Each structure stands twice: as structure tokens, then as C-alpha cells.
């Protein structure tokens, strides 16, 4: 025999069970998605790591090539002048090259900052003109 309150509690229990199952299913789906994203991320990091190692190897080879070029230039200069003077000449050449490159970089960076400042000023002026139109003022 059923009492009027029994049907309500069993219905609420079924709804509660369904809600709990729905929550568990949603959590499991979220876990699967997170695992899939983790797998993709780990695969991407492995590729990035391999690329970074290759780039590091290329840098080492480039440095060794630069060193070999320096030694070649030094040996060539030593045939026409004493060893100390040849080293001093190469030092001056390298220092001059560094100074020229630094000045060129300074000019480029300065031009870039000026261009960025001009762009920001232009954008700010455009925003000011769109805000202050004659028809928008309350007294007009």
C-alpha cells in the first residue's frame, strides 16, 4: 500500500540518481577531454624540444664556423705582419663592426618606438573624435 508521500520521495530519488549519473558522466567527459589535450600538448612539446635541440646544434656549428673563420683570417694576416699586430687588427675590425651594428640597431629601435607612439596617438585621436560629435552632447 502506498501513501501519498511515498511516490514523491521515490520520484525525487530517481531524479537525484539521474542528476548524480549526469554529473558523473559530465566529469568523465571532462576528464577525457583533459587527457586528450594533455596528449596533444605533450606531443607538441616533444616536437618543440627536438626543434630546440636542433637549433642549439645549429648554433654550436655556427659558432665553430665563426671561430674557424677567425683563425683563418688571423693566419692570413700573420703572413704579412707580426702575430700581435694581426690580433690587434682583427680586434679593431671586430670592435668597429660591433659599433656599427649597435648604432644601426639603435636607429631601428628608435624608429620603431616613434612609429608605435605615432600609431597610438593617432588611435587616441580617432577615439576622441568619435566620442565628441556635436549631436551627442546633451545640451545641443
Protein backbone atom coordinates (compact mmCIF):
# COMPACT_ATOMS: atom_id res chain seq x y z
CA UNK A 1 0.00 0.00 0.00
CA UNK A 2 1.29 3.42 -0.91
CA UNK A 3 0.95 6.58 0.99
CA UNK A 4 0.85 9.91 -0.78
CA UNK A 5 4.35 10.81 0.41
CA UNK A 6 5.97 7.58 -0.90
CA UNK A 7 5.56 8.41 -4.59
CA UNK A 8 7.13 11.79 -4.17
CA UNK A 9 10.22 10.55 -2.38
CA UNK A 10 10.87 7.72 -4.87
CA UNK A 11 10.45 10.18 -7.75
CA UNK A 12 12.84 12.59 -6.10
CA UNK A 13 15.25 9.70 -5.55
CA UNK A 14 15.13 8.80 -9.25
CA UNK A 15 15.73 12.41 -10.19
CA UNK A 16 18.60 12.60 -7.71
CA UNK A 17 20.11 9.40 -9.15
CA UNK A 18 19.77 10.74 -12.67
CA UNK A 19 21.37 14.01 -11.64
CA UNK A 20 24.23 12.14 -9.97
CA UNK A 21 24.76 9.99 -13.08
CA UNK A 22 24.64 13.08 -15.27
CA UNK A 23 27.26 14.71 -13.05
CA UNK A 24 29.47 11.62 -13.20
CA UNK A 25 29.12 11.40 -16.98
CA UNK A 26 29.97 15.09 -17.37
CA UNK A 27 33.01 14.67 -15.10
CA UNK A 28 34.19 11.64 -17.07
CA UNK A 29 33.76 13.53 -20.34
CA UNK A 30 35.74 16.44 -18.94
CA UNK A 31 38.49 14.05 -17.79
CA UNK A 32 38.68 12.50 -21.27
CA UNK A 33 38.95 15.94 -22.88
CA UNK A 34 41.67 17.00 -20.45
CA UNK A 35 43.62 13.78 -21.14
CA UNK A 36 43.30 14.35 -24.89
CA UNK A 37 44.52 17.93 -24.53
CA UNK A 38 47.41 16.76 -22.34
CA UNK A 39 48.40 14.23 -25.01
CA UNK A 40 48.34 16.90 -27.71
CA UNK A 41 50.34 19.28 -25.53
CA UNK A 42 52.96 16.67 -24.68
CA UNK A 43 53.33 15.75 -28.37
CA UNK A 44 53.76 19.41 -29.27
CA UNK A 45 56.34 19.90 -26.51
CA UNK A 46 58.30 16.88 -27.73
CA UNK A 47 58.42 18.34 -31.23
CA UNK A 48 59.41 21.71 -29.79
CA UNK A 49 62.13 20.06 -27.71
CA UNK A 50 63.52 18.27 -30.75
CA UNK A 51 63.45 21.51 -32.72
CA UNK A 52 65.16 23.34 -29.87
CA UNK A 53 67.89 20.71 -29.73
CA UNK A 54 68.42 21.00 -33.47
CA UNK A 55 68.52 24.79 -33.20
CA UNK A 56 71.07 24.54 -30.38
CA UNK A 57 73.20 22.22 -32.51
CA UNK A 58 72.99 24.70 -35.39
CA UNK A 59 74.13 27.47 -33.05
CA UNK A 60 77.14 25.45 -31.90
CA UNK A 61 78.08 24.67 -35.51
CA UNK A 62 77.70 28.35 -36.42
CA UNK A 63 79.94 29.35 -33.52
CA UNK A 64 82.57 26.82 -34.59
CA UNK A 65 82.39 28.12 -38.16
CA UNK A 66 82.89 31.67 -36.90
CA UNK A 67 85.86 30.55 -34.82
CA UNK A 68 87.37 28.79 -37.85
CA UNK A 69 86.87 31.92 -39.96
CA UNK A 70 88.61 33.98 -37.29
CA UNK A 71 91.55 31.57 -37.18
CA UNK A 72 91.79 31.63 -40.97
CA UNK A 73 91.82 35.44 -41.04
CA UNK A 74 94.40 35.54 -38.25
CA UNK A 75 96.68 33.09 -40.06
CA UNK A 76 96.34 35.08 -43.27
CA UNK A 77 97.25 38.33 -41.52
CA UNK A 78 100.19 36.67 -39.76
CA UNK A 79 101.81 36.06 -43.13
CA UNK A 80 102.14 39.83 -43.71
CA UNK A 81 102.58 41.18 -40.15
CA UNK A 82 103.62 40.02 -36.68
CA UNK A 83 101.20 37.85 -34.69
CA UNK A 84 100.43 40.51 -32.04
CA UNK A 85 99.70 43.17 -34.65
CA UNK A 86 97.48 40.76 -36.64
CA UNK A 87 95.46 40.02 -33.50
CA UNK A 88 95.17 43.75 -32.77
CA UNK A 89 93.95 44.45 -36.32
CA UNK A 90 91.30 41.74 -36.07
CA UNK A 91 90.23 43.10 -32.68
CA UNK A 92 89.80 46.57 -34.18
CA UNK A 93 87.83 45.17 -37.12
CA UNK A 94 85.53 43.23 -34.80
CA UNK A 95 85.08 46.24 -32.50
CA UNK A 96 84.27 48.53 -35.43
CA UNK A 97 81.76 46.02 -36.76
CA UNK A 98 80.12 45.75 -33.33
CA UNK A 99 79.88 49.54 -33.02
CA UNK A 100 78.36 49.94 -36.48
CA UNK A 101 75.82 47.19 -35.83
CA UNK A 102 74.93 48.69 -32.43
CA UNK A 103 74.34 52.12 -33.98
CA UNK A 104 72.19 50.63 -36.72
CA UNK A 105 70.19 48.68 -34.12
CA UNK A 106 69.73 51.83 -32.01
CA UNK A 107 68.40 53.71 -35.04
CA UNK A 108 65.99 50.88 -35.90
CA UNK A 109 64.69 50.58 -32.35
CA UNK A 110 64.27 54.34 -32.09
CA UNK A 111 62.33 54.44 -35.36
CA UNK A 112 60.13 51.56 -34.23
CA UNK A 113 59.28 53.23 -30.92
CA UNK A 114 58.47 56.50 -32.69
CA UNK A 115 56.21 54.68 -35.15
CA UNK A 116 54.44 52.88 -32.30
CA UNK A 117 53.95 56.14 -30.40
CA UNK A 118 52.54 57.84 -33.52
CA UNK A 119 50.15 54.94 -34.10
CA UNK A 120 48.93 55.10 -30.51
CA UNK A 121 48.47 58.88 -30.73
CA UNK A 122 46.53 58.50 -33.99
CA UNK A 123 44.31 55.84 -32.46
CA UNK A 124 43.69 58.00 -29.39
CA UNK A 125 42.77 60.96 -31.62
CA UNK A 126 40.33 58.79 -33.58
CA UNK A 127 38.70 57.62 -30.35
CA UNK A 128 38.42 61.21 -29.11
CA UNK A 129 36.79 62.40 -32.35
CA UNK A 130 34.25 59.56 -32.36
CA UNK A 131 33.29 60.30 -28.74
CA UNK A 132 32.92 64.06 -29.18
CA UNK A 133 30.47 64.51 -32.03
CA UNK A 134 28.26 67.65 -31.91
CA UNK A 135 24.97 65.71 -31.88
CA UNK A 136 25.95 63.63 -28.85
CA UNK A 137 26.23 66.47 -26.37
CA UNK A 138 23.24 66.69 -24.00
CA UNK A 139 22.78 70.45 -24.33
CA UNK A 140 22.85 70.51 -28.16
